[in-house]
Amino acid sequence: MATVTQIDKHLIDLSLAPWTMHEFFAGSGLVAYGLKGMFNPIWANDISDKKAEVYRSNFKGNHLVLDDIKNINGATIPQAHLSWASFPCQDLSLAGSLGGIDAARSGLIWEWLRILKEMPQRPSVLLIENVAGLLSANQGKNYTKLHYALQNLGYKSGAILLDAVHFVPQSRPRVFVIAVRNDIDIPSELVDTQPNWLHNKAAAVLGNNLPEWIWWKADKPEKRKTSLNDIIDFTIPYDKNDVLQLIPPHHKEKLDSMENVVATGYRRTRNGKQCLELRFDGVAGCLRTPEGGSSKQFLIVKRNGKAQARLLSPREAARLMGAPDSFVLPDTFNDGYKAMGDAVVVSVALFIGVSFLTKLMEVVYCERSELKELRILG
């Protein structure tokens, strides 16, 4: 990866924004990039030195603190309008241990809440991001505990499930919990009276049973125009053709029936045997971090009847996350995958920012301006 001094003139300035934010579990900074022009991350934190290098190689400023969240004291953090926390998902993911929200990794959410309690003045709005299992795992008990914790902290909240497939050719459903301080009035345009397209079955069940749940509402985005073909670099050599023999019969039959196709696949173990399960809908499977063979996504390209295979490249993974080609990535495959695999898709963060966060900030700003005018008149 290029050094900071080499790319300094290309660093992205995130400070040009009307509102401020904390960025917990910041990773490679795709949330900050998605909220660019809306929120200035005046303070950010992550424990991974490799992700911190990616962050600092792309953004101006020295606001990223590389440290264990357990060492952070809320009283030392500058005041901000928004606090965003994309906390670890391993204990809530179906691909993980399902240890729950109190387990070692996903349990770090409680450190974030501790830090909020320590702040002299808490943010107006909180945003929590995680996998769909946050809502469904353990019969919803994980989310229920989080809901009451936010309530005890003085916030009203609700969760939505948003799939990145609306914006990029990647299937990546994620939960976004939007919490607002109790003293803030939520615009009626943002609130529904019942579940809508942003709520899956698990969210609907929770919403109908939890007190002060907010049915967040937003217009559905226009139909996505890009497909997998648009992000693939067809000049990269195919060096994994041996995995083609792992394609199960029903997928092999479909592949054989097509003259030209771009498909993606993950290696999985079925009935004690490894197989490469494919999808043919022009959409990549959910990106993962490179820990174990099953986390690496394969690309199968068939042209003029000839099928070839290779791994999805880090740059292609970045494109699937909505990052521009100018975004600086690590030099190695695994580090590049890790930088993107557990991040938030840029266009999803943008959608959340435009549809909810800025509208909530406008309410806060207007209320404070009106109070200021009243004091002057008084």
Foldseek 3Di string as FASTA:
>chain_A
DDQCVVCVVQADEQQQADFEEEAEQCFLPLLSLLCRRHYRHQAYEHQDPLSVRLNSSHHDDDRYDHDDLLPDALCPDDDGQEYEEAFDAQLQDPPHDVVACCDDGNVCVVSVLNSQVRHPDHHQKYKYKYAPSCLPRPNRPRVLVVQVSLVVVQKFKAKFWDFCVQEFQEGGIMIMIMIGGNVFDADPVQFDPAADPRHDPSRRVCQVPDPRHTRTDFDRDDHYDDFLVVLDDPVDDFDPQVQVVQADPVVVVVLQVDQWFKWKWFWDADPNDTHTYIDGPRGHYQAAAPDDRRRWMKIWTHHRRDITIDTQALSSLCVRLVHDSPSDADPDRRSSSNSRRSDHRSNVSNCCCVGPVSSSVVSVVVVVVVVVVVVVVD
